[in-house]
Amino acid sequence: MLTFNIDTAAAVVRPERIGFPAEPAREIVDILAEADAEHVTKAEMRMLEQQMQTGFAKTAAILAEGQAEQAKANQRLTGITLGGVAVATAILLAVLS
Protein backbone atom coordinates (compact mmCIF):
# COMPACT_ATOMS: atom_id res chain seq x y z
CA MET A 1 0.00 0.00 0.00
CA LEU A 2 1.35 3.40 -0.94
CA THR A 3 1.73 5.96 1.79
CA PHE A 4 2.17 9.59 0.96
CA ASN A 5 4.20 12.00 3.02
CA ILE A 6 2.35 15.02 1.65
CA ASP A 7 -1.20 16.17 2.28
CA THR A 8 -2.59 15.94 -1.24
CA ALA A 9 -5.85 17.76 -0.44
CA ALA A 10 -3.98 20.73 1.02
CA ALA A 11 -1.49 20.68 -1.83
CA VAL A 12 -4.31 20.96 -4.40
CA VAL A 13 -5.87 23.95 -2.63
CA ARG A 14 -2.74 26.09 -2.88
CA PRO A 15 -2.61 26.32 -6.72
CA GLU A 16 -6.41 26.73 -6.81
CA ARG A 17 -6.08 29.78 -4.54
CA ILE A 18 -4.08 31.58 -7.21
CA GLY A 19 -6.45 30.68 -9.99
CA PHE A 20 -4.91 27.43 -11.26
CA PRO A 21 -7.64 25.07 -12.59
CA ALA A 22 -8.60 22.29 -10.15
CA GLU A 23 -8.14 19.29 -12.43
CA PRO A 24 -4.58 20.08 -13.55
CA ALA A 25 -3.70 20.95 -9.94
CA ARG A 26 -4.97 17.52 -8.80
CA GLU A 27 -2.96 15.77 -11.53
CA ILE A 28 0.23 17.60 -10.63
CA VAL A 29 -0.23 16.82 -6.93
CA ASP A 30 -0.94 13.15 -7.76
CA ILE A 31 2.28 13.00 -9.78
CA LEU A 32 4.23 14.49 -6.89
CA ALA A 33 2.57 12.15 -4.40
CA GLU A 34 3.43 9.10 -6.52
CA ALA A 35 7.03 10.23 -6.80
CA ASP A 36 7.13 10.86 -3.05
CA ALA A 37 5.72 7.40 -2.36
CA GLU A 38 8.60 5.79 -4.24
CA HIS A 39 11.39 7.33 -2.18
CA VAL A 40 13.25 5.31 0.41
CA THR A 41 13.67 6.60 3.92
CA LYS A 42 16.89 6.47 5.92
CA ALA A 43 15.19 4.06 8.32
CA GLU A 44 14.33 1.74 5.44
CA MET A 45 17.91 1.93 4.19
CA ARG A 46 19.24 1.10 7.67
CA MET A 47 16.86 -1.84 7.90
CA LEU A 48 17.97 -3.10 4.48
CA GLU A 49 21.63 -2.66 5.46
CA GLN A 50 21.04 -4.65 8.65
CA GLN A 51 19.28 -7.41 6.72
CA MET A 52 22.16 -7.55 4.25
CA GLN A 53 24.73 -7.71 7.06
CA THR A 54 22.77 -10.53 8.69
CA GLY A 55 22.61 -12.35 5.37
CA PHE A 56 26.33 -11.90 4.78
CA ALA A 57 27.08 -13.16 8.30
CA LYS A 58 24.94 -16.26 7.69
CA THR A 59 26.67 -16.83 4.35
CA ALA A 60 30.09 -16.49 5.99
CA ALA A 61 29.07 -18.99 8.68
CA ILE A 62 27.86 -21.46 6.06
CA LEU A 63 31.11 -21.08 4.12
CA ALA A 64 33.18 -21.57 7.26
CA GLU A 65 31.17 -24.68 8.08
CA GLY A 66 31.73 -25.99 4.57
CA GLN A 67 35.46 -25.31 4.84
CA ALA A 68 35.60 -27.16 8.16
CA GLU A 69 33.80 -30.14 6.61
CA GLN A 70 36.19 -30.07 3.65
CA ALA A 71 39.17 -30.04 6.03
CA LYS A 72 37.76 -33.10 7.85
CA ALA A 73 37.21 -34.88 4.53
CA ASN A 74 40.79 -34.06 3.48
CA GLN A 75 42.11 -35.47 6.78
CA ARG A 76 40.11 -38.68 6.32
CA LEU A 77 41.36 -39.05 2.75
CA THR A 78 44.95 -38.46 3.87
CA GLY A 79 44.53 -41.07 6.61
CA ILE A 80 43.11 -43.61 4.18
CA THR A 81 45.93 -42.92 1.70
CA LEU A 82 48.61 -43.27 4.37
CA GLY A 83 46.94 -46.43 5.64
CA GLY A 84 46.97 -47.85 2.13
CA VAL A 85 50.64 -47.00 1.73
CA ALA A 86 51.40 -48.67 5.08
CA VAL A 87 49.54 -51.86 4.07
CA ALA A 88 51.26 -51.93 0.66
CA THR A 89 54.63 -51.45 2.35
CA ALA A 90 53.94 -54.26 4.80
CA ILE A 91 52.93 -56.56 1.93
CA LEU A 92 56.08 -55.70 -0.03
CA LEU A 93 58.28 -56.30 3.00
CA ALA A 94 56.57 -59.63 3.64
CA VAL A 95 57.02 -60.71 0.03
CA LEU A 96 60.66 -59.63 -0.10
CA SER A 97 61.72 -61.28 3.12
PDB file of N, CA and C in Angstrom:
ATOM      1  N   MET A   1       0.843  -1.169   0.000  1.00  0.00           N
ATOM      2  CA  MET A   1       0.000   0.000   0.000  1.00  0.00           C
ATOM      3  C   MET A   1       0.891   1.236   0.000  1.00  0.00           C
ATOM      4  N   LEU A   2       0.575   2.181  -0.861  1.00  0.00           N
ATOM      5  CA  LEU A   2       1.353   3.401  -0.942  1.00  0.00           C
ATOM      6  C   LEU A   2       0.985   4.334   0.197  1.00  0.00           C
ATOM      7  N   THR A   3       1.978   4.943   0.779  1.00  0.00           N
ATOM      8  CA  THR A   3       1.735   5.959   1.790  1.00  0.00           C
ATOM      9  C   THR A   3       2.388   7.244   1.317  1.00  0.00           C
ATOM     10  N   PHE A   4       1.662   8.317   1.420  1.00  0.00           N
ATOM     11  CA  PHE A   4       2.172   9.595   0.963  1.00  0.00           C
ATOM     12  C   PHE A   4       2.609  10.431   2.146  1.00  0.00           C
ATOM     13  N   ASN A   5       3.705  11.134   1.970  1.00  0.00           N
ATOM     14  CA  ASN A   5       4.204  12.004   3.017  1.00  0.00           C
ATOM     15  C   ASN A   5       3.733  13.437   2.835  1.00  0.00           C
ATOM     16  N   ILE A   6       2.877  13.665   1.848  1.00  0.00           N
ATOM     17  CA  ILE A   6       2.347  15.017   1.649  1.00  0.00           C
ATOM     18  C   ILE A   6       0.829  14.965   1.754  1.00  0.00           C
ATOM     19  N   ASP A   7       0.262  16.048   2.193  1.00  0.00           N
ATOM     20  CA  ASP A   7      -1.196  16.173   2.284  1.00  0.00           C
ATOM     21  C   ASP A   7      -1.694  16.609   0.914  1.00  0.00           C
ATOM     22  N   THR A   8      -2.217  15.652   0.144  1.00  0.00           N
ATOM     23  CA  THR A   8      -2.591  15.944  -1.244  1.00  0.00           C
ATOM     24  C   THR A   8      -3.751  16.927  -1.331  1.00  0.00           C
ATOM     25  N   ALA A   9      -4.707  16.845  -0.407  1.00  0.00           N
ATOM     26  CA  ALA A   9      -5.850  17.764  -0.439  1.00  0.00           C
ATOM     27  C   ALA A   9      -5.380  19.197  -0.224  1.00  0.00           C
ATOM     28  N   ALA A  10      -4.492  19.388   0.749  1.00  0.00           N
ATOM     29  CA  ALA A  10      -3.980  20.729   1.022  1.00  0.00           C
ATOM     30  C   ALA A  10      -3.101  21.213  -0.128  1.00  0.00           C
ATOM     31  N   ALA A  11      -2.367  20.303  -0.732  1.00  0.00           N
ATOM     32  CA  ALA A  11      -1.488  20.685  -1.832  1.00  0.00           C
ATOM     33  C   ALA A  11      -2.286  21.119  -3.055  1.00  0.00           C
ATOM     34  N   VAL A  12      -3.472  20.571  -3.267  1.00  0.00           N
ATOM     35  CA  VAL A  12      -4.313  20.957  -4.405  1.00  0.00           C
ATOM     36  C   VAL A  12      -4.909  22.341  -4.181  1.00  0.00           C
ATOM     37  N   VAL A  13      -5.225  22.661  -2.935  1.00  0.00           N
ATOM     38  CA  VAL A  13      -5.870  23.946  -2.627  1.00  0.00           C
ATOM     39  C   VAL A  13      -4.947  25.123  -2.939  1.00  0.00           C
ATOM     40  N   ARG A  14      -3.672  24.965  -2.696  1.00  0.00           N
ATOM     41  CA  ARG A  14      -2.739  26.091  -2.885  1.00  0.00           C
ATOM     42  C   ARG A  14      -2.730  26.616  -4.325  1.00  0.00           C
ATOM     43  N   PRO A  15      -2.564  25.759  -5.350  1.00  0.00           N
ATOM     44  CA  PRO A  15      -2.611  26.322  -6.718  1.00  0.00           C
ATOM     45  C   PRO A  15      -3.992  26.869  -7.081  1.00  0.00           C
ATOM     46  N   GLU A  16      -5.051  26.251  -6.530  1.00  0.00           N
ATOM     47  CA  GLU A  16      -6.406  26.726  -6.814  1.00  0.00           C
ATOM     48  C   GLU A  16      -6.608  28.145  -6.276  1.00  0.00           C
ATOM     49  N   ARG A  17      -5.952  28.456  -5.138  1.00  0.00           N
ATOM     50  CA  ARG A  17      -6.079  29.782  -4.539  1.00  0.00           C
ATOM     51  C   ARG A  17      -5.574  30.892  -5.465  1.00  0.00           C
ATOM     52  N   ILE A  18      -4.619  30.554  -6.312  1.00  0.00           N
ATOM     53  CA  ILE A  18      -4.075  31.584  -7.207  1.00  0.00           C
ATOM     54  C   ILE A  18      -4.666  31.492  -8.609  1.00  0.00           C
ATOM     55  N   GLY A  19      -5.741  30.716  -8.726  1.00  0.00           N
ATOM     56  CA  GLY A  19      -6.446  30.679  -9.993  1.00  0.00           C
ATOM     57  C   GLY A  19      -6.081  29.527 -10.910  1.00  0.00           C
ATOM     58  N   PHE A  20      -5.264  28.588 -10.447  1.00  0.00           N
ATOM     59  CA  PHE A  20      -4.908  27.428 -11.265  1.00  0.00           C
ATOM     60  C   PHE A  20      -6.111  26.505 -11.323  1.00  0.00           C
ATOM     61  N   PRO A  21      -6.468  25.958 -12.488  1.00  0.00           N
ATOM     62  CA  PRO A  21      -7.635  25.065 -12.590  1.00  0.00           C
ATOM     63  C   PRO A  21      -7.487  23.828 -11.694  1.00  0.00           C
ATOM     64  N   ALA A  22      -8.600  23.382 -11.136  1.00  0.00           N
ATOM     65  CA  ALA A  22      -8.603  22.294 -10.149  1.00  0.00           C
ATOM     66  C   ALA A  22      -8.080  20.974 -10.713  1.00  0.00           C
ATOM     67  N   GLU A  23      -8.534  20.597 -11.882  1.00  0.00           N
ATOM     68  CA  GLU A  23      -8.140  19.286 -12.431  1.00  0.00           C
ATOM     69  C   GLU A  23      -6.636  19.194 -12.706  1.00  0.00           C
ATOM     70  N   PRO A  24      -6.037  20.161 -13.374  1.00  0.00           N
ATOM     71  CA  PRO A  24      -4.584  20.085 -13.551  1.00  0.00           C
ATOM     72  C   PRO A  24      -3.832  20.126 -12.214  1.00  0.00           C
ATOM     73  N   ALA A  25      -4.348  20.897 -11.260  1.00  0.00           N
ATOM     74  CA  ALA A  25      -3.703  20.953  -9.936  1.00  0.00           C
ATOM     75  C   ALA A  25      -3.724  19.572  -9.285  1.00  0.00           C
ATOM     76  N   ARG A  26      -4.867  18.874  -9.372  1.00  0.00           N
ATOM     77  CA  ARG A  26      -4.967  17.522  -8.802  1.00  0.00           C
ATOM     78  C   ARG A  26      -3.983  16.565  -9.471  1.00  0.00           C
ATOM     79  N   GLU A  27      -3.877  16.646 -10.791  1.00  0.00           N
ATOM     80  CA  GLU A  27      -2.962  15.766 -11.533  1.00  0.00           C
ATOM     81  C   GLU A  27      -1.509  16.008 -11.128  1.00  0.00           C
ATOM     82  N   ILE A  28      -1.147  17.276 -11.022  1.00  0.00           N
ATOM     83  CA  ILE A  28       0.227  17.605 -10.629  1.00  0.00           C
ATOM     84  C   ILE A  28       0.517  17.090  -9.222  1.00  0.00           C
ATOM     85  N   VAL A  29      -0.422  17.296  -8.311  1.00  0.00           N
ATOM     86  CA  VAL A  29      -0.232  16.823  -6.933  1.00  0.00           C
ATOM     87  C   VAL A  29      -0.174  15.298  -6.905  1.00  0.00           C
ATOM     88  N   ASP A  30      -0.995  14.625  -7.707  1.00  0.00           N
ATOM     89  CA  ASP A  30      -0.942  13.153  -7.764  1.00  0.00           C
ATOM     90  C   ASP A  30       0.421  12.678  -8.258  1.00  0.00           C
ATOM     91  N   ILE A  31       0.957  13.360  -9.265  1.00  0.00           N
ATOM     92  CA  ILE A  31       2.282  12.997  -9.784  1.00  0.00           C
ATOM     93  C   ILE A  31       3.331  13.153  -8.695  1.00  0.00           C
ATOM     94  N   LEU A  32       3.273  14.255  -7.977  1.00  0.00           N
ATOM     95  CA  LEU A  32       4.232  14.491  -6.890  1.00  0.00           C
ATOM     96  C   LEU A  32       4.070  13.457  -5.772  1.00  0.00           C
ATOM     97  N   ALA A  33       2.828  13.128  -5.459  1.00  0.00           N
ATOM     98  CA  ALA A  33       2.573  12.151  -4.400  1.00  0.00           C
ATOM     99  C   ALA A  33       3.100  10.769  -4.791  1.00  0.00           C
ATOM    100  N   GLU A  34       2.902  10.388  -6.050  1.00  0.00           N
ATOM    101  CA  GLU A  34       3.426   9.103  -6.515  1.00  0.00           C
ATOM    102  C   GLU A  34       4.949   9.077  -6.457  1.00  0.00           C
ATOM    103  N   ALA A  35       5.570  10.160  -6.862  1.00  0.00           N
ATOM    104  CA  ALA A  35       7.033  10.235  -6.797  1.00  0.00           C
ATOM    105  C   ALA A  35       7.497  10.181  -5.352  1.00  0.00           C
ATOM    106  N   ASP A  36       6.773  10.852  -4.473  1.00  0.00           N
ATOM    107  CA  ASP A  36       7.126  10.859  -3.053  1.00  0.00           C
ATOM    108  C   ASP A  36       6.969   9.471  -2.449  1.00  0.00           C
ATOM    109  N   ALA A  37       5.975   8.729  -2.906  1.00  0.00           N
ATOM    110  CA  ALA A  37       5.717   7.397  -2.358  1.00  0.00           C
ATOM    111  C   ALA A  37       6.817   6.417  -2.730  1.00  0.00           C
ATOM    112  N   GLU A  38       7.566   6.711  -3.782  1.00  0.00           N
ATOM    113  CA  GLU A  38       8.599   5.788  -4.243  1.00  0.00           C
ATOM    114  C   GLU A  38       9.962   6.030  -3.610  1.00  0.00           C
ATOM    115  N   HIS A  39      10.087   7.067  -2.798  1.00  0.00           N
ATOM    116  CA  HIS A  39      11.390   7.327  -2.184  1.00  0.00           C
ATOM    117  C   HIS A  39      11.631   6.361  -1.033  1.00  0.00           C
ATOM    118  N   VAL A  40      12.868   6.213  -0.675  1.00  0.00           N
ATOM    119  CA  VAL A  40      13.250   5.307   0.410  1.00  0.00           C
ATOM    120  C   VAL A  40      13.748   6.151   1.573  1.00  0.00           C
ATOM    121  N   THR A  41      13.259   5.842   2.755  1.00  0.00           N
ATOM    122  CA  THR A  41      13.674   6.604   3.921  1.00  0.00           C
ATOM    123  C   THR A  41      15.006   6.080   4.458  1.00  0.00           C
ATOM    124  N   LYS A  42      15.638   6.888   5.286  1.00  0.00           N
ATOM    125  CA  LYS A  42      16.886   6.467   5.916  1.00  0.00           C
ATOM    126  C   LYS A  42      16.654   5.240   6.790  1.00  0.00           C
ATOM    127  N   ALA A  43      15.514   5.214   7.472  1.00  0.00           N
ATOM    128  CA  ALA A  43      15.195   4.063   8.325  1.00  0.00           C
ATOM    129  C   ALA A  43      15.070   2.792   7.494  1.00  0.00           C
ATOM    130  N   GLU A  44      14.449   2.903   6.320  1.00  0.00           N
ATOM    131  CA  GLU A  44      14.326   1.741   5.437  1.00  0.00           C
ATOM    132  C   GLU A  44      15.693   1.297   4.929  1.00  0.00           C
ATOM    133  N   MET A  45      16.553   2.266   4.628  1.00  0.00           N
ATOM    134  CA  MET A  45      17.911   1.932   4.188  1.00  0.00           C
ATOM    135  C   MET A  45      18.689   1.237   5.301  1.00  0.00           C
ATOM    136  N   ARG A  46      18.548   1.736   6.530  1.00  0.00           N
ATOM    137  CA  ARG A  46      19.236   1.100   7.666  1.00  0.00           C
ATOM    138  C   ARG A  46      18.739  -0.327   7.874  1.00  0.00           C
ATOM    139  N   MET A  47      17.427  -0.511   7.738  1.00  0.00           N
ATOM    140  CA  MET A  47      16.862  -1.845   7.903  1.00  0.00           C
ATOM    141  C   MET A  47      17.391  -2.782   6.813  1.00  0.00           C
ATOM    142  N   LEU A  48      17.448  -2.298   5.579  1.00  0.00           N
ATOM    143  CA  LEU A  48      17.974  -3.105   4.482  1.00  0.00           C
ATOM    144  C   LEU A  48      19.445  -3.431   4.719  1.00  0.00           C
ATOM    145  N   GLU A  49      20.210  -2.437   5.176  1.00  0.00           N
ATOM    146  CA  GLU A  49      21.625  -2.660   5.459  1.00  0.00           C
ATOM    147  C   GLU A  49      21.798  -3.729   6.544  1.00  0.00           C
ATOM    148  N   GLN A  50      20.964  -3.655   7.574  1.00  0.00           N
ATOM    149  CA  GLN A  50      21.038  -4.648   8.650  1.00  0.00           C
ATOM    150  C   GLN A  50      20.683  -6.042   8.135  1.00  0.00           C
ATOM    151  N   GLN A  51      19.659  -6.122   7.296  1.00  0.00           N
ATOM    152  CA  GLN A  51      19.276  -7.406   6.719  1.00  0.00           C
ATOM    153  C   GLN A  51      20.403  -7.967   5.855  1.00  0.00           C
ATOM    154  N   MET A  52      21.060  -7.096   5.093  1.00  0.00           N
ATOM    155  CA  MET A  52      22.163  -7.551   4.249  1.00  0.00           C
ATOM    156  C   MET A  52      23.337  -8.032   5.110  1.00  0.00           C
ATOM    157  N   GLN A  53      23.641  -7.294   6.178  1.00  0.00           N
ATOM    158  CA  GLN A  53      24.732  -7.711   7.060  1.00  0.00           C
ATOM    159  C   GLN A  53      24.424  -9.052   7.700  1.00  0.00           C
ATOM    160  N   THR A  54      23.178  -9.240   8.112  1.00  0.00           N
ATOM    161  CA  THR A  54      22.774 -10.526   8.688  1.00  0.00           C
ATOM    162  C   THR A  54      22.910 -11.634   7.653  1.00  0.00           C
ATOM    163  N   GLY A  55      22.488 -11.363   6.433  1.00  0.00           N
ATOM    164  CA  GLY A  55      22.608 -12.353   5.366  1.00  0.00           C
ATOM    165  C   GLY A  55      24.053 -12.683   5.061  1.00  0.00           C
ATOM    166  N   PHE A  56      24.917 -11.653   5.029  1.00  0.00           N
ATOM    167  CA  PHE A  56      26.334 -11.900   4.783  1.00  0.00           C
ATOM    168  C   PHE A  56      26.952 -12.709   5.915  1.00  0.00           C
ATOM    169  N   ALA A  57      26.548 -12.413   7.155  1.00  0.00           N
ATOM    170  CA  ALA A  57      27.077 -13.158   8.302  1.00  0.00           C
ATOM    171  C   ALA A  57      26.661 -14.629   8.225  1.00  0.00           C
ATOM    172  N   LYS A  58      25.410 -14.872   7.840  1.00  0.00           N
ATOM    173  CA  LYS A  58      24.943 -16.258   7.692  1.00  0.00           C
ATOM    174  C   LYS A  58      25.715 -16.963   6.578  1.00  0.00           C
ATOM    175  N   THR A  59      25.931 -16.256   5.472  1.00  0.00           N
ATOM    176  CA  THR A  59      26.674 -16.831   4.351  1.00  0.00           C
ATOM    177  C   THR A  59      28.098 -17.167   4.771  1.00  0.00           C
ATOM    178  N   ALA A  60      28.729 -16.255   5.513  1.00  0.00           N
ATOM    179  CA  ALA A  60      30.092 -16.495   5.991  1.00  0.00           C
ATOM    180  C   ALA A  60      30.132 -17.705   6.922  1.00  0.00           C
ATOM    181  N   ALA A  61      29.123 -17.844   7.773  1.00  0.00           N
ATOM    182  CA  ALA A  61      29.071 -18.990   8.685  1.00  0.00           C
ATOM    183  C   ALA A  61      28.903 -20.295   7.902  1.00  0.00           C
ATOM    184  N   ILE A  62      28.065 -20.268   6.884  1.00  0.00           N
ATOM    185  CA  ILE A  62      27.863 -21.464   6.063  1.00  0.00           C
ATOM    186  C   ILE A  62      29.155 -21.832   5.329  1.00  0.00           C
ATOM    187  N   LEU A  63      29.844 -20.819   4.801  1.00  0.00           N
ATOM    188  CA  LEU A  63      31.111 -21.080   4.116  1.00  0.00           C
ATOM    189  C   LEU A  63      32.150 -21.639   5.072  1.00  0.00           C
ATOM    190  N   ALA A  64      32.216 -21.076   6.271  1.00  0.00           N
ATOM    191  CA  ALA A  64      33.176 -21.566   7.265  1.00  0.00           C
ATOM    192  C   ALA A  64      32.862 -23.013   7.640  1.00  0.00           C
ATOM    193  N   GLU A  65      31.584 -23.310   7.768  1.00  0.00           N
ATOM    194  CA  GLU A  65      31.175 -24.685   8.082  1.00  0.00           C
ATOM    195  C   GLU A  65      31.568 -25.628   6.951  1.00  0.00           C
ATOM    196  N   GLY A  66      31.356 -25.183   5.729  1.00  0.00           N
ATOM    197  CA  GLY A  66      31.732 -25.995   4.571  1.00  0.00           C
ATOM    198  C   GLY A  66      33.236 -26.207   4.500  1.00  0.00           C
ATOM    199  N   GLN A  67      34.003 -25.178   4.835  1.00  0.00           N
ATOM    200  CA  GLN A  67      35.457 -25.307   4.836  1.00  0.00           C
ATOM    201  C   GLN A  67      35.908 -26.278   5.918  1.00  0.00           C
ATOM    202  N   ALA A  68      35.254 -26.230   7.081  1.00  0.00           N
ATOM    203  CA  ALA A  68      35.596 -27.160   8.161  1.00  0.00           C
ATOM    204  C   ALA A  68      35.283 -28.596   7.739  1.00  0.00           C
ATOM    205  N   GLU A  69      34.156 -28.796   7.089  1.00  0.00           N
ATOM    206  CA  GLU A  69      33.797 -30.139   6.607  1.00  0.00           C
ATOM    207  C   GLU A  69      34.786 -30.608   5.555  1.00  0.00           C
ATOM    208  N   GLN A  70      35.208 -29.709   4.679  1.00  0.00           N
ATOM    209  CA  GLN A  70      36.188 -30.066   3.652  1.00  0.00           C
ATOM    210  C   GLN A  70      37.515 -30.450   4.287  1.00  0.00           C
ATOM    211  N   ALA A  71      37.921 -29.720   5.337  1.00  0.00           N
ATOM    212  CA  ALA A  71      39.169 -30.044   6.032  1.00  0.00           C
ATOM    213  C   ALA A  71      39.088 -31.437   6.661  1.00  0.00           C
ATOM    214  N   LYS A  72      37.942 -31.764   7.260  1.00  0.00           N
ATOM    215  CA  LYS A  72      37.757 -33.101   7.849  1.00  0.00           C
ATOM    216  C   LYS A  72      37.838 -34.171   6.765  1.00  0.00           C
ATOM    217  N   ALA A  73      37.188 -33.906   5.625  1.00  0.00           N
ATOM    218  CA  ALA A  73      37.212 -34.875   4.525  1.00  0.00           C
ATOM    219  C   ALA A  73      38.639 -35.057   4.018  1.00  0.00           C
ATOM    220  N   ASN A  74      39.387 -33.969   3.926  1.00  0.00           N
ATOM    221  CA  ASN A  74      40.785 -34.064   3.483  1.00  0.00           C
ATOM    222  C   ASN A  74      41.621 -34.876   4.470  1.00  0.00           C
ATOM    223  N   GLN A  75      41.386 -34.696   5.769  1.00  0.00           N
ATOM    224  CA  GLN A  75      42.108 -35.468   6.779  1.00  0.00           C
ATOM    225  C   GLN A  75      41.781 -36.956   6.664  1.00  0.00           C
ATOM    226  N   ARG A  76      40.499 -37.272   6.474  1.00  0.00           N
ATOM    227  CA  ARG A  76      40.114 -38.682   6.316  1.00  0.00           C
ATOM    228  C   ARG A  76      40.772 -39.291   5.083  1.00  0.00           C
ATOM    229  N   LEU A  77      40.762 -38.555   3.981  1.00  0.00           N
ATOM    230  CA  LEU A  77      41.359 -39.050   2.749  1.00  0.00           C
ATOM    231  C   LEU A  77      42.868 -39.251   2.924  1.00  0.00           C
ATOM    232  N   THR A  78      43.510 -38.318   3.611  1.00  0.00           N
ATOM    233  CA  THR A  78      44.945 -38.455   3.870  1.00  0.00           C
ATOM    234  C   THR A  78      45.214 -39.681   4.733  1.00  0.00           C
ATOM    235  N   GLY A  79      44.388 -39.891   5.747  1.00  0.00           N
ATOM    236  CA  GLY A  79      44.532 -41.070   6.615  1.00  0.00           C
ATOM    237  C   GLY A  79      44.356 -42.368   5.844  1.00  0.00           C
ATOM    238  N   ILE A  80      43.349 -42.397   4.981  1.00  0.00           N
ATOM    239  CA  ILE A  80      43.106 -43.606   4.177  1.00  0.00           C
ATOM    240  C   ILE A  80      44.286 -43.858   3.235  1.00  0.00           C
ATOM    241  N   THR A  81      44.791 -42.784   2.620  1.00  0.00           N
ATOM    242  CA  THR A  81      45.929 -42.924   1.704  1.00  0.00           C
ATOM    243  C   THR A  81      47.162 -43.433   2.439  1.00  0.00           C
ATOM    244  N   LEU A  82      47.446 -42.828   3.588  1.00  0.00           N
ATOM    245  CA  LEU A  82      48.610 -43.270   4.366  1.00  0.00           C
ATOM    246  C   LEU A  82      48.438 -44.710   4.859  1.00  0.00           C
ATOM    247  N   GLY A  83      47.213 -45.047   5.229  1.00  0.00           N
ATOM    248  CA  GLY A  83      46.942 -46.430   5.640  1.00  0.00           C
ATOM    249  C   GLY A  83      47.176 -47.397   4.499  1.00  0.00           C
ATOM    250  N   GLY A  84      46.749 -47.014   3.305  1.00  0.00           N
ATOM    251  CA  GLY A  84      46.970 -47.848   2.126  1.00  0.00           C
ATOM    252  C   GLY A  84      48.447 -48.005   1.820  1.00  0.00           C
ATOM    253  N   VAL A  85      49.194 -46.927   1.961  1.00  0.00           N
ATOM    254  CA  VAL A  85      50.640 -46.997   1.735  1.00  0.00           C
ATOM    255  C   VAL A  85      51.291 -47.918   2.774  1.00  0.00           C
ATOM    256  N   ALA A  86      50.843 -47.826   4.023  1.00  0.00           N
ATOM    257  CA  ALA A  86      51.403 -48.674   5.082  1.00  0.00           C
ATOM    258  C   ALA A  86      51.117 -50.148   4.808  1.00  0.00           C
ATOM    259  N   VAL A  87      49.909 -50.474   4.373  1.00  0.00           N
ATOM    260  CA  VAL A  87      49.538 -51.856   4.072  1.00  0.00           C
ATOM    261  C   VAL A  87      50.367 -52.353   2.887  1.00  0.00           C
ATOM    262  N   ALA A  88      50.476 -51.524   1.846  1.00  0.00           N
ATOM    263  CA  ALA A  88      51.263 -51.927   0.663  1.00  0.00           C
ATOM    264  C   ALA A  88      52.729 -52.143   1.038  1.00  0.00           C
ATOM    265  N   THR A  89      53.248 -51.302   1.905  1.00  0.00           N
ATOM    266  CA  THR A  89      54.631 -51.447   2.351  1.00  0.00           C
ATOM    267  C   THR A  89      54.820 -52.739   3.124  1.00  0.00           C
ATOM    268  N   ALA A  90      53.875 -53.040   4.006  1.00  0.00           N
ATOM    269  CA  ALA A  90      53.939 -54.263   4.799  1.00  0.00           C
ATOM    270  C   ALA A  90      53.888 -55.497   3.883  1.00  0.00           C
ATOM    271  N   ILE A  91      53.045 -55.435   2.857  1.00  0.00           N
ATOM    272  CA  ILE A  91      52.932 -56.564   1.928  1.00  0.00           C
ATOM    273  C   ILE A  91      54.250 -56.736   1.166  1.00  0.00           C
ATOM    274  N   LEU A  92      54.813 -55.639   0.690  1.00  0.00           N
ATOM    275  CA  LEU A  92      56.080 -55.698  -0.034  1.00  0.00           C
ATOM    276  C   LEU A  92      57.189 -56.257   0.845  1.00  0.00           C
ATOM    277  N   LEU A  93      57.242 -55.793   2.086  1.00  0.00           N
ATOM    278  CA  LEU A  93      58.278 -56.301   3.004  1.00  0.00           C
ATOM    279  C   LEU A  93      58.089 -57.792   3.282  1.00  0.00           C
ATOM    280  N   ALA A  94      56.835 -58.219   3.388  1.00  0.00           N
ATOM    281  CA  ALA A  94      56.575 -59.627   3.640  1.00  0.00           C
ATOM    282  C   ALA A  94      56.971 -60.480   2.422  1.00  0.00           C
ATOM    283  N   VAL A  95      56.683 -59.972   1.246  1.00  0.00           N
ATOM    284  CA  VAL A  95      57.024 -60.712   0.033  1.00  0.00           C
ATOM    285  C   VAL A  95      58.529 -60.762  -0.165  1.00  0.00           C
ATOM    286  N   LEU A  96      59.233 -59.692   0.124  1.00  0.00           N
ATOM    287  CA  LEU A  96      60.661 -59.625  -0.102  1.00  0.00           C
ATOM    288  C   LEU A  96      61.474 -60.346   0.974  1.00  0.00           C
ATOM    289  N   SER A  97      60.908 -60.629   2.100  1.00  0.00           N
ATOM    290  CA  SER A  97      61.723 -61.282   3.117  1.00  0.00           C
ATOM    291  C   SER A  97      61.630 -62.782   3.080  1.00  0.00           C
TER     292      SER A  97
END
